C-alpha atoms as a PDB file:
ATOM      1  CA  MET A   1     -11.511  33.464 -53.092  1.00  0.00           C
ATOM      2  CA  ILE A   2     -11.203  30.294 -50.499  1.00  0.00           C
ATOM      3  CA  LEU A   3     -11.472  31.651 -46.946  1.00  0.00           C
ATOM      4  CA  LEU A   4      -7.478  30.613 -46.487  1.00  0.00           C
ATOM      5  CA  VAL A   5      -6.854  33.792 -49.043  1.00  0.00           C
ATOM      6  CA  HIS A   6      -8.838  35.992 -46.646  1.00  0.00           C
ATOM      7  CA  LEU A   7      -8.036  35.466 -43.425  1.00  0.00           C
ATOM      8  CA  LEU A   8      -4.450  36.267 -44.895  1.00  0.00           C
ATOM      9  CA  PHE A   9      -5.128  39.128 -45.448  1.00  0.00           C
ATOM     10  CA  GLY A  10      -6.850  40.256 -43.290  1.00  0.00           C
ATOM     11  CA  ALA A  11      -4.268  39.280 -40.502  1.00  0.00           C
ATOM     12  CA  LEU A  12      -1.872  41.067 -42.437  1.00  0.00           C
ATOM     13  CA  ILE A  13      -3.506  44.303 -42.314  1.00  0.00           C
ATOM     14  CA  GLY A  14      -4.563  43.817 -38.917  1.00  0.00           C
ATOM     15  CA  LYS A  15      -0.518  43.536 -38.381  1.00  0.00           C
ATOM     16  CA  GLU A  16      -0.064  46.575 -40.503  1.00  0.00           C
ATOM     17  CA  ILE A  17      -1.917  49.123 -39.887  1.00  0.00           C
ATOM     18  CA  ASN A  18      -1.703  50.743 -36.341  1.00  0.00           C
ATOM     19  CA  ASN A  19      -4.923  52.472 -36.243  1.00  0.00           C
ATOM     20  CA  PRO A  20      -7.785  49.649 -34.898  1.00  0.00           C
ATOM     21  CA  ILE A  21     -10.763  50.998 -36.429  1.00  0.00           C
ATOM     22  CA  LEU A  22      -9.033  51.374 -39.993  1.00  0.00           C
ATOM     23  CA  ALA A  23      -7.278  47.922 -40.250  1.00  0.00           C
ATOM     24  CA  ILE A  24     -10.604  46.358 -39.075  1.00  0.00           C
ATOM     25  CA  LEU A  25     -12.390  48.914 -42.170  1.00  0.00           C
ATOM     26  CA  LEU A  26      -9.380  48.291 -44.508  1.00  0.00           C
ATOM     27  CA  ALA A  27      -9.730  43.900 -43.718  1.00  0.00           C
ATOM     28  CA  PHE A  28     -13.360  44.109 -44.679  1.00  0.00           C
ATOM     29  CA  LEU A  29     -12.845  46.495 -47.599  1.00  0.00           C
ATOM     30  CA  GLY A  30      -9.709  44.192 -48.676  1.00  0.00           C
ATOM     31  CA  HIS A  31     -12.025  41.169 -48.961  1.00  0.00           C
ATOM     32  CA  TYR A  32     -14.192  42.911 -52.164  1.00  0.00           C
ATOM     33  CA  LEU A  33     -10.491  43.809 -53.787  1.00  0.00           C
ATOM     34  CA  LEU A  34      -9.540  40.737 -53.216  1.00  0.00           C
ATOM     35  CA  ASP A  35     -12.236  39.588 -54.856  1.00  0.00           C
ATOM     36  CA  LEU A  36     -11.746  41.343 -57.702  1.00  0.00           C
ATOM     37  CA  LEU A  37      -9.036  39.785 -58.912  1.00  0.00           C
ATOM     38  CA  PRO A  38      -9.549  36.527 -61.096  1.00  0.00           C
ATOM     39  CA  HIS A  39      -9.693  33.187 -58.824  1.00  0.00           C
ATOM     40  CA  ILE A  40     -11.143  29.878 -58.337  1.00  0.00           C
ATOM     41  CA  GLU A  41     -13.386  28.823 -55.674  1.00  0.00           C
ATOM     42  CA  TYR A  42     -14.362  25.553 -54.304  1.00  0.00           C
ATOM     43  CA  PRO A  43     -17.563  24.199 -54.457  1.00  0.00           C
ATOM     44  CA  VAL A  44     -20.360  24.344 -52.523  1.00  0.00           C
ATOM     45  CA  ASN A  45     -23.255  23.092 -54.608  1.00  0.00           C
ATOM     46  CA  ASN A  46     -25.409  21.177 -52.327  1.00  0.00           C
ATOM     47  CA  ILE A  47     -25.256  23.860 -49.719  1.00  0.00           C
ATOM     48  CA  THR A  48     -25.999  26.555 -52.394  1.00  0.00           C
ATOM     49  CA  GLU A  49     -28.655  23.570 -53.622  1.00  0.00           C
ATOM     50  CA  LYS A  50     -30.207  23.386 -50.339  1.00  0.00           C
ATOM     51  CA  LYS A  51     -29.448  19.359 -50.374  1.00  0.00           C
ATOM     52  CA  TRP A  52     -28.349  19.128 -46.960  1.00  0.00           C
ATOM     53  CA  VAL A  53     -28.231  15.498 -46.459  1.00  0.00           C
ATOM     54  CA  LYS A  54     -25.322  15.898 -49.275  1.00  0.00           C
ATOM     55  CA  SER A  55     -23.816  18.509 -47.869  1.00  0.00           C
ATOM     56  CA  ALA A  56     -21.148  17.248 -44.941  1.00  0.00           C
ATOM     57  CA  PRO A  57     -18.507  17.354 -47.103  1.00  0.00           C
ATOM     58  CA  ASP A  58     -19.677  21.234 -48.385  1.00  0.00           C
ATOM     59  CA  VAL A  59     -19.127  21.913 -44.601  1.00  0.00           C
ATOM     60  CA  ILE A  60     -15.831  20.257 -44.312  1.00  0.00           C
ATOM     61  CA  ARG A  61     -14.537  21.853 -47.076  1.00  0.00           C
ATOM     62  CA  VAL A  62     -15.632  25.565 -45.774  1.00  0.00           C
ATOM     63  CA  GLY A  63     -14.357  24.330 -42.138  1.00  0.00           C
ATOM     64  CA  LEU A  64     -10.738  22.979 -43.333  1.00  0.00           C
ATOM     65  CA  ASP A  65     -10.583  26.000 -45.189  1.00  0.00           C
ATOM     66  CA  PHE A  66     -11.139  28.157 -42.556  1.00  0.00           C
ATOM     67  CA  LEU A  67      -9.107  26.019 -39.911  1.00  0.00           C
ATOM     68  CA  ALA A  68      -5.969  26.431 -42.406  1.00  0.00           C
ATOM     69  CA  GLY A  69      -6.268  29.929 -42.517  1.00  0.00           C
ATOM     70  CA  ILE A  70      -6.608  30.128 -38.560  1.00  0.00           C
ATOM     71  CA  PHE A  71      -3.172  27.617 -38.616  1.00  0.00           C
ATOM     72  CA  LEU A  72      -1.173  29.471 -40.682  1.00  0.00           C
ATOM     73  CA  ILE A  73      -1.634  33.107 -38.793  1.00  0.00           C
ATOM     74  CA  LEU A  74      -1.177  31.297 -35.932  1.00  0.00           C
ATOM     75  CA  LEU A  75       2.576  30.034 -36.705  1.00  0.00           C
ATOM     76  CA  PHE A  76       3.506  33.156 -39.076  1.00  0.00           C
ATOM     77  CA  SER A  77       2.000  35.695 -37.068  1.00  0.00           C
ATOM     78  CA  LYS A  78       2.925  37.333 -33.395  1.00  0.00           C
ATOM     79  CA  ASN A  79      -0.752  36.404 -32.636  1.00  0.00           C
ATOM     80  CA  GLN A  80      -2.104  39.713 -31.483  1.00  0.00           C
ATOM     81  CA  PRO A  81      -5.614  40.292 -31.050  1.00  0.00           C
ATOM     82  CA  ILE A  82      -6.460  42.661 -33.330  1.00  0.00           C
ATOM     83  CA  ILE A  83      -4.397  40.394 -36.509  1.00  0.00           C
ATOM     84  CA  TYR A  84      -7.846  38.146 -35.733  1.00  0.00           C
ATOM     85  CA  ILE A  85     -10.109  40.567 -35.388  1.00  0.00           C
ATOM     86  CA  CYS A  86      -9.273  41.277 -38.508  1.00  0.00           C
ATOM     87  CA  ALA A  87      -8.814  37.894 -40.308  1.00  0.00           C
ATOM     88  CA  PHE A  88     -13.066  37.868 -39.130  1.00  0.00           C
ATOM     89  CA  PHE A  89     -13.940  41.008 -40.251  1.00  0.00           C
ATOM     90  CA  ALA A  90     -11.649  40.305 -43.537  1.00  0.00           C
ATOM     91  CA  ILE A  91     -14.518  37.092 -44.087  1.00  0.00           C
ATOM     92  CA  LEU A  92     -16.954  38.971 -42.504  1.00  0.00           C
ATOM     93  CA  PRO A  93     -18.431  40.029 -46.748  1.00  0.00           C
ATOM     94  CA  ASP A  94     -18.652  35.720 -47.543  1.00  0.00           C
ATOM     95  CA  GLY A  95     -20.560  35.396 -43.860  1.00  0.00           C
ATOM     96  CA  PHE A  96     -23.206  37.848 -44.832  1.00  0.00           C
ATOM     97  CA  SER A  97     -23.520  36.485 -48.056  1.00  0.00           C
ATOM     98  CA  VAL A  98     -24.098  32.807 -46.524  1.00  0.00           C
ATOM     99  CA  LEU A  99     -26.239  34.481 -44.030  1.00  0.00           C
ATOM    100  CA  GLY A 100     -28.185  36.150 -46.891  1.00  0.00           C
ATOM    101  CA  PHE A 101     -28.793  32.541 -48.599  1.00  0.00           C
ATOM    102  CA  LEU A 102     -29.902  31.130 -45.050  1.00  0.00           C
ATOM    103  CA  LEU A 103     -31.789  34.039 -43.854  1.00  0.00           C
ATOM    104  CA  PRO A 104     -33.170  36.165 -46.735  1.00  0.00           C
ATOM    105  CA  ASN A 105     -33.666  40.315 -46.263  1.00  0.00           C
ATOM    106  CA  LYS A 106     -33.643  42.788 -48.458  1.00  0.00           C
ATOM    107  CA  PHE A 107     -30.107  43.941 -46.973  1.00  0.00           C
ATOM    108  CA  LEU A 108     -28.214  40.871 -47.550  1.00  0.00           C
ATOM    109  CA  GLU A 109     -30.304  40.111 -50.515  1.00  0.00           C
ATOM    110  CA  ALA A 110     -28.939  43.474 -51.914  1.00  0.00           C
ATOM    111  CA  HIS A 111     -25.491  42.661 -50.639  1.00  0.00           C
ATOM    112  CA  SER A 112     -25.056  39.104 -52.295  1.00  0.00           C
ATOM    113  CA  ASP A 113     -26.293  40.561 -55.566  1.00  0.00           C
ATOM    114  CA  PHE A 114     -23.283  42.858 -54.436  1.00  0.00           C
ATOM    115  CA  HIS A 115     -20.470  40.883 -54.140  1.00  0.00           C
ATOM    116  CA  ARG A 116     -21.465  38.241 -56.753  1.00  0.00           C
ATOM    117  CA  GLN A 117     -22.471  40.856 -59.952  1.00  0.00           C
ATOM    118  CA  LYS A 118     -20.058  43.600 -59.392  1.00  0.00           C
ATOM    119  CA  ILE A 119     -17.440  42.270 -57.324  1.00  0.00           C
ATOM    120  CA  HIS A 120     -16.589  38.453 -58.866  1.00  0.00           C
ATOM    121  CA  PHE A 121     -17.141  40.226 -62.504  1.00  0.00           C
ATOM    122  CA  LEU A 122     -14.668  38.454 -63.540  1.00  0.00           C
ATOM    123  CA  LYS A 123     -16.436  34.976 -62.873  1.00  0.00           C
ATOM    124  CA  ASN A 124     -17.636  33.983 -65.881  1.00  0.00           C
ATOM    125  CA  LYS A 125     -14.438  35.693 -68.517  1.00  0.00           C
ATOM    126  CA  LYS A 126     -12.656  33.389 -70.256  1.00  0.00           C
ATOM    127  CA  ILE A 127      -9.288  32.951 -67.696  1.00  0.00           C
ATOM    128  CA  SER A 128      -7.664  29.875 -67.352  1.00  0.00           C
ATOM    129  CA  ASN A 129      -7.832  27.955 -63.937  1.00  0.00           C
ATOM    130  CA  PHE A 130      -3.861  28.668 -63.500  1.00  0.00           C
ATOM    131  CA  TRP A 131      -3.896  32.289 -62.935  1.00  0.00           C
ATOM    132  CA  ARG A 132      -6.879  31.729 -60.783  1.00  0.00           C
ATOM    133  CA  ILE A 133      -5.387  29.289 -58.800  1.00  0.00           C
ATOM    134  CA  PHE A 134      -1.582  31.196 -59.202  1.00  0.00           C
ATOM    135  CA  SER A 135      -3.417  34.575 -58.208  1.00  0.00           C
ATOM    136  CA  GLN A 136      -4.824  32.977 -54.682  1.00  0.00           C
ATOM    137  CA  ILE A 137      -1.436  31.480 -53.922  1.00  0.00           C
ATOM    138  CA  ALA A 138       0.857  34.359 -55.384  1.00  0.00           C
ATOM    139  CA  VAL A 139      -1.277  36.857 -52.510  1.00  0.00           C
ATOM    140  CA  ALA A 140      -0.994  34.001 -49.747  1.00  0.00           C
ATOM    141  CA  ILE A 141       2.710  33.718 -50.292  1.00  0.00           C
ATOM    142  CA  ILE A 142       2.878  36.943 -50.235  1.00  0.00           C
ATOM    143  CA  CYS A 143       0.781  37.736 -47.099  1.00  0.00           C
ATOM    144  CA  ILE A 144       3.031  34.728 -44.903  1.00  0.00           C
ATOM    145  CA  PHE A 145       5.939  36.543 -45.704  1.00  0.00           C
ATOM    146  CA  PHE A 146       4.806  39.855 -44.790  1.00  0.00           C
ATOM    147  CA  LEU A 147       2.893  38.294 -41.379  1.00  0.00           C
ATOM    148  CA  LYS A 148       6.234  36.307 -40.171  1.00  0.00           C
ATOM    149  CA  PHE A 149       8.875  39.125 -40.756  1.00  0.00           C
END
């Protein structure tokens, strides 16, 4: 899933769950739940191949994705701090993957393997891009609807 969808889902959990500790935990675990759905991700090949000189478009793409998610939360939520805390925890697993890529260690490598192999197990299945994109749009629209009301 793209960051925007994870951020919206985490924000919705922060809005709906009254217990902040439970909300944070569910936002974090919600990341893995969303990644079980068939989805498409934009390429960040220059980063994964450590072609740092050519990686600016990848970094910009990720940054714009993040900013779009924050903007939608700002626009459609009541902007309580817990919403942003949960949004942060909802993208934290991807942060662990990036950190493990940049600063390899056993814990982060184990997390990355679990995240890529066990959670993203549909990544290499033959599912059309239509359904992969539709799943993300549907989740985003549902989150926005419930964030607003």
